[in-house]
């Protein structure tokens, strides 16, 4: 399963009430680093589907969640467990670093 698109209307059910850890990728269509990171996020979503759920939130289409969680720059990745943010990374990263970060938090 690849990364799931989530909006403000389903953020609570898909992220905050999810069973198990969730990685949220806050991104925008106009963001170059976001576009560079997206294929890596998709690959990791498929490879780690049994360990973690990965979702993406377009900050232009769904501004409430990024505002609530203090997203100031994108791409911003957050790991949620039991409805709480447990770790945050801002900016792009290589796939190996992304995988290590997620594995270390889940």
N, C-alpha and C. Protein backbone atom coordinates (compact mmCIF):
# COMPACT_ATOMS: atom_id res chain seq x y z
N UNK A 1 0.84 -1.19 0.00
CA UNK A 1 0.00 0.00 0.00
C UNK A 1 0.87 1.24 0.00
N UNK A 2 0.61 2.16 -0.89
CA UNK A 2 1.39 3.39 -0.95
C UNK A 2 0.82 4.40 0.05
N UNK A 3 1.45 5.55 0.11
CA UNK A 3 1.00 6.60 1.02
C UNK A 3 -0.42 7.03 0.66
N UNK A 4 -1.24 7.23 1.66
CA UNK A 4 -2.65 7.58 1.49
C UNK A 4 -2.81 9.08 1.62
N UNK A 5 -3.55 9.69 0.70
CA UNK A 5 -3.84 11.12 0.79
C UNK A 5 -4.90 11.33 1.88
N UNK A 6 -4.60 12.25 2.80
CA UNK A 6 -5.50 12.54 3.91
C UNK A 6 -5.80 14.04 3.91
N UNK A 7 -7.05 14.38 4.21
CA UNK A 7 -7.45 15.79 4.27
C UNK A 7 -7.81 16.15 5.70
N UNK A 8 -8.10 17.44 5.92
CA UNK A 8 -8.50 17.88 7.25
C UNK A 8 -9.72 17.10 7.75
N UNK A 9 -10.64 16.78 6.83
CA UNK A 9 -11.88 16.12 7.24
C UNK A 9 -11.67 14.69 7.75
N UNK A 10 -10.65 13.99 7.27
CA UNK A 10 -10.43 12.62 7.75
C UNK A 10 -9.13 12.45 8.55
N UNK A 11 -8.46 13.56 8.88
CA UNK A 11 -7.19 13.50 9.62
C UNK A 11 -7.36 12.80 10.96
N UNK A 12 -8.42 13.13 11.67
CA UNK A 12 -8.63 12.53 12.99
C UNK A 12 -8.76 11.01 12.90
N UNK A 13 -9.60 10.52 11.99
CA UNK A 13 -9.80 9.07 11.86
C UNK A 13 -8.58 8.36 11.30
N UNK A 14 -7.92 8.95 10.29
CA UNK A 14 -6.80 8.29 9.62
C UNK A 14 -5.50 8.36 10.41
N UNK A 15 -5.33 9.40 11.22
CA UNK A 15 -4.06 9.60 11.93
C UNK A 15 -4.23 9.47 13.44
N UNK A 16 -5.06 10.32 14.01
CA UNK A 16 -5.15 10.39 15.47
C UNK A 16 -5.79 9.15 16.09
N UNK A 17 -6.73 8.53 15.38
CA UNK A 17 -7.40 7.34 15.91
C UNK A 17 -6.89 6.05 15.28
N UNK A 18 -5.80 6.12 14.56
CA UNK A 18 -5.26 4.94 13.87
C UNK A 18 -4.70 3.93 14.86
N UNK A 19 -4.80 2.67 14.49
CA UNK A 19 -4.14 1.61 15.26
C UNK A 19 -2.70 1.55 14.79
N UNK A 20 -1.77 1.80 15.70
CA UNK A 20 -0.36 1.75 15.34
C UNK A 20 0.17 3.11 14.91
N UNK A 21 1.48 3.17 14.67
CA UNK A 21 2.12 4.43 14.31
C UNK A 21 1.75 4.90 12.90
N UNK A 22 1.72 6.23 12.74
CA UNK A 22 1.41 6.84 11.44
C UNK A 22 2.46 7.90 11.14
N UNK A 23 3.02 7.86 9.95
CA UNK A 23 3.92 8.92 9.47
C UNK A 23 3.09 9.84 8.58
N UNK A 24 3.12 11.14 8.90
CA UNK A 24 2.39 12.13 8.10
C UNK A 24 3.40 12.97 7.33
N UNK A 25 3.24 13.03 6.03
CA UNK A 25 4.07 13.86 5.15
C UNK A 25 3.25 15.09 4.78
N UNK A 26 3.61 16.25 5.35
CA UNK A 26 2.97 17.51 4.99
C UNK A 26 3.71 18.07 3.79
N UNK A 27 3.01 18.33 2.69
CA UNK A 27 3.64 18.71 1.43
C UNK A 27 2.74 19.68 0.67
N UNK A 28 3.26 20.18 -0.47
CA UNK A 28 2.48 21.02 -1.38
C UNK A 28 2.94 20.77 -2.80
N UNK A 29 2.04 20.99 -3.74
CA UNK A 29 2.31 20.74 -5.16
C UNK A 29 3.47 21.60 -5.68
N UNK A 30 3.60 22.81 -5.18
CA UNK A 30 4.61 23.76 -5.67
C UNK A 30 5.98 23.59 -5.01
N UNK A 31 6.11 22.67 -4.09
CA UNK A 31 7.33 22.51 -3.28
C UNK A 31 8.30 21.52 -3.95
N UNK A 32 9.44 22.03 -4.43
CA UNK A 32 10.43 21.18 -5.08
C UNK A 32 10.96 20.06 -4.19
N UNK A 33 11.42 20.37 -2.97
CA UNK A 33 11.89 19.30 -2.08
C UNK A 33 10.81 18.26 -1.76
N UNK A 34 9.55 18.70 -1.71
CA UNK A 34 8.44 17.76 -1.46
C UNK A 34 8.33 16.77 -2.62
N UNK A 35 8.44 17.29 -3.84
CA UNK A 35 8.33 16.43 -5.02
C UNK A 35 9.50 15.45 -5.08
N UNK A 36 10.69 15.89 -4.62
CA UNK A 36 11.85 15.00 -4.61
C UNK A 36 11.69 13.90 -3.56
N UNK A 37 11.07 14.23 -2.44
CA UNK A 37 10.90 13.27 -1.34
C UNK A 37 9.75 12.29 -1.60
N UNK A 38 8.74 12.71 -2.35
CA UNK A 38 7.54 11.90 -2.54
C UNK A 38 7.79 10.47 -3.03
N UNK A 39 8.63 10.24 -4.05
CA UNK A 39 8.85 8.85 -4.47
C UNK A 39 9.50 8.00 -3.37
N UNK A 40 10.34 8.62 -2.55
CA UNK A 40 10.97 7.88 -1.45
C UNK A 40 9.94 7.52 -0.40
N UNK A 41 9.05 8.47 -0.10
CA UNK A 41 7.98 8.21 0.87
C UNK A 41 7.09 7.08 0.36
N UNK A 42 6.77 7.10 -0.93
CA UNK A 42 5.94 6.04 -1.52
C UNK A 42 6.62 4.67 -1.41
N UNK A 43 7.93 4.62 -1.71
CA UNK A 43 8.67 3.35 -1.62
C UNK A 43 8.67 2.83 -0.19
N UNK A 44 8.95 3.70 0.76
CA UNK A 44 8.99 3.31 2.16
C UNK A 44 7.61 2.87 2.63
N UNK A 45 6.56 3.53 2.15
CA UNK A 45 5.19 3.14 2.52
C UNK A 45 4.90 1.70 2.11
N UNK A 46 5.36 1.31 0.94
CA UNK A 46 5.16 -0.06 0.46
C UNK A 46 6.02 -1.03 1.27
N UNK A 47 7.28 -0.68 1.45
CA UNK A 47 8.22 -1.58 2.14
C UNK A 47 7.90 -1.76 3.62
N UNK A 48 7.34 -0.75 4.26
CA UNK A 48 7.10 -0.80 5.71
C UNK A 48 5.62 -0.91 6.06
N UNK A 49 4.80 -1.34 5.09
CA UNK A 49 3.35 -1.34 5.30
C UNK A 49 2.90 -2.16 6.51
N UNK A 50 3.68 -3.16 6.91
CA UNK A 50 3.30 -3.98 8.06
C UNK A 50 3.69 -3.34 9.39
N UNK A 51 4.54 -2.31 9.34
CA UNK A 51 5.02 -1.67 10.57
C UNK A 51 4.38 -0.32 10.85
N UNK A 52 4.08 0.41 9.77
CA UNK A 52 3.64 1.80 9.93
C UNK A 52 2.73 2.19 8.77
N UNK A 53 1.79 3.07 9.05
CA UNK A 53 0.92 3.64 8.03
C UNK A 53 1.53 4.98 7.63
N UNK A 54 1.61 5.27 6.34
CA UNK A 54 2.16 6.53 5.87
C UNK A 54 1.09 7.27 5.08
N UNK A 55 0.86 8.52 5.48
CA UNK A 55 -0.14 9.35 4.81
C UNK A 55 0.49 10.67 4.38
N UNK A 56 -0.15 11.34 3.43
CA UNK A 56 0.34 12.63 2.98
C UNK A 56 -0.80 13.65 3.05
N UNK A 57 -0.45 14.85 3.51
CA UNK A 57 -1.42 15.93 3.65
C UNK A 57 -0.95 17.11 2.82
N UNK A 58 -1.76 17.49 1.83
CA UNK A 58 -1.47 18.67 1.01
C UNK A 58 -1.85 19.90 1.83
N UNK A 59 -0.86 20.73 2.20
CA UNK A 59 -1.11 21.85 3.10
C UNK A 59 -1.97 22.95 2.47
N UNK A 60 -2.01 23.01 1.14
CA UNK A 60 -2.84 24.02 0.47
C UNK A 60 -4.31 23.61 0.49
N UNK A 61 -4.56 22.31 0.35
CA UNK A 61 -5.94 21.82 0.32
C UNK A 61 -6.48 21.57 1.72
N UNK A 62 -5.60 21.32 2.68
CA UNK A 62 -6.00 21.01 4.06
C UNK A 62 -5.11 21.79 5.03
N UNK A 63 -5.41 23.06 5.27
CA UNK A 63 -4.54 23.90 6.10
C UNK A 63 -4.71 23.71 7.61
N UNK A 64 -5.79 23.10 8.06
CA UNK A 64 -6.04 23.01 9.51
C UNK A 64 -5.03 22.15 10.25
N UNK A 65 -4.78 20.94 9.77
CA UNK A 65 -3.85 20.03 10.46
C UNK A 65 -2.44 20.61 10.51
N UNK A 66 -1.88 21.12 9.40
CA UNK A 66 -0.53 21.68 9.51
C UNK A 66 -0.46 22.87 10.46
N UNK A 67 -1.51 23.68 10.48
CA UNK A 67 -1.54 24.82 11.40
C UNK A 67 -1.57 24.33 12.84
N UNK A 68 -2.42 23.35 13.12
CA UNK A 68 -2.54 22.83 14.48
C UNK A 68 -1.22 22.25 14.99
N UNK A 69 -0.46 21.62 14.12
CA UNK A 69 0.78 20.97 14.54
C UNK A 69 2.03 21.81 14.26
N UNK A 70 1.84 23.09 13.95
CA UNK A 70 2.96 24.02 13.85
C UNK A 70 3.89 23.82 12.68
N UNK A 71 3.37 23.34 11.57
CA UNK A 71 4.20 23.15 10.39
C UNK A 71 4.58 24.53 9.84
N UNK A 72 5.88 24.80 9.80
CA UNK A 72 6.38 26.11 9.35
C UNK A 72 7.08 26.02 7.99
N UNK A 73 7.64 24.85 7.68
CA UNK A 73 8.31 24.64 6.41
C UNK A 73 7.97 23.25 5.91
N UNK A 74 8.07 23.07 4.61
CA UNK A 74 7.78 21.75 4.05
C UNK A 74 8.92 21.31 3.15
N UNK A 75 9.11 20.02 2.99
CA UNK A 75 8.32 18.95 3.59
C UNK A 75 8.58 18.81 5.09
N UNK A 76 7.51 18.56 5.83
CA UNK A 76 7.61 18.22 7.25
C UNK A 76 7.01 16.83 7.42
N UNK A 77 7.76 15.96 8.08
CA UNK A 77 7.29 14.61 8.37
C UNK A 77 7.13 14.48 9.87
N UNK A 78 5.99 13.96 10.30
CA UNK A 78 5.73 13.73 11.72
C UNK A 78 5.31 12.29 11.94
N UNK A 79 5.78 11.72 13.05
CA UNK A 79 5.34 10.38 13.43
C UNK A 79 4.37 10.53 14.59
N UNK A 80 3.18 9.95 14.43
CA UNK A 80 2.15 9.97 15.46
C UNK A 80 2.00 8.58 16.05
N UNK A 81 1.89 8.51 17.37
CA UNK A 81 1.54 7.26 18.06
C UNK A 81 0.45 7.61 19.07
N UNK A 82 -0.61 6.83 19.06
CA UNK A 82 -1.73 7.05 19.98
C UNK A 82 -2.21 8.49 19.95
N UNK A 83 -2.26 9.08 18.76
CA UNK A 83 -2.79 10.43 18.59
C UNK A 83 -1.84 11.55 18.97
N UNK A 84 -0.59 11.22 19.31
CA UNK A 84 0.38 12.23 19.72
C UNK A 84 1.59 12.23 18.79
N UNK A 85 2.16 13.41 18.57
CA UNK A 85 3.39 13.51 17.78
C UNK A 85 4.55 13.02 18.63
N UNK A 86 5.31 12.05 18.12
CA UNK A 86 6.47 11.54 18.86
C UNK A 86 7.80 11.97 18.25
N UNK A 87 7.78 12.39 16.97
CA UNK A 87 9.01 12.89 16.35
C UNK A 87 8.66 13.66 15.09
N UNK A 88 9.53 14.61 14.75
CA UNK A 88 9.33 15.47 13.59
C UNK A 88 10.64 15.67 12.85
N UNK A 89 10.57 15.69 11.53
CA UNK A 89 11.73 16.02 10.68
C UNK A 89 11.26 17.02 9.63
N UNK A 90 12.08 18.03 9.37
CA UNK A 90 11.75 19.03 8.35
C UNK A 90 12.82 18.97 7.27
N UNK A 91 12.38 18.94 6.01
CA UNK A 91 13.31 18.93 4.89
C UNK A 91 13.45 17.55 4.29
N UNK A 92 14.12 17.53 3.17
CA UNK A 92 14.34 16.27 2.47
C UNK A 92 15.41 15.43 3.13
N UNK A 93 15.45 14.16 2.77
CA UNK A 93 16.45 13.24 3.29
C UNK A 93 16.54 12.05 2.35
N UNK A 94 17.69 11.37 2.34
CA UNK A 94 17.78 10.17 1.51
C UNK A 94 16.90 9.05 2.08
N UNK A 95 16.59 8.10 1.23
CA UNK A 95 15.71 6.99 1.63
C UNK A 95 16.24 6.25 2.85
N UNK A 96 17.56 6.01 2.89
CA UNK A 96 18.13 5.27 4.02
C UNK A 96 17.90 6.01 5.34
N UNK A 97 18.04 7.32 5.30
CA UNK A 97 17.82 8.12 6.51
C UNK A 97 16.34 8.13 6.90
N UNK A 98 15.47 8.22 5.92
CA UNK A 98 14.03 8.17 6.17
C UNK A 98 13.64 6.85 6.83
N UNK A 99 14.13 5.75 6.28
CA UNK A 99 13.83 4.43 6.83
C UNK A 99 14.36 4.27 8.25
N UNK A 100 15.59 4.69 8.47
CA UNK A 100 16.18 4.60 9.82
C UNK A 100 15.39 5.43 10.82
N UNK A 101 14.99 6.64 10.42
CA UNK A 101 14.23 7.52 11.32
C UNK A 101 12.90 6.87 11.71
N UNK A 102 12.20 6.33 10.73
CA UNK A 102 10.91 5.69 11.02
C UNK A 102 11.11 4.46 11.89
N UNK A 103 12.06 3.60 11.55
CA UNK A 103 12.30 2.39 12.34
C UNK A 103 12.70 2.73 13.78
N UNK A 104 13.44 3.81 13.96
CA UNK A 104 13.86 4.22 15.30
C UNK A 104 12.71 4.73 16.15
N UNK A 105 11.68 5.21 15.50
CA UNK A 105 10.55 5.78 16.24
C UNK A 105 9.40 4.81 16.45
N UNK A 106 9.32 3.78 15.60
CA UNK A 106 8.20 2.85 15.72
C UNK A 106 8.69 1.58 16.39
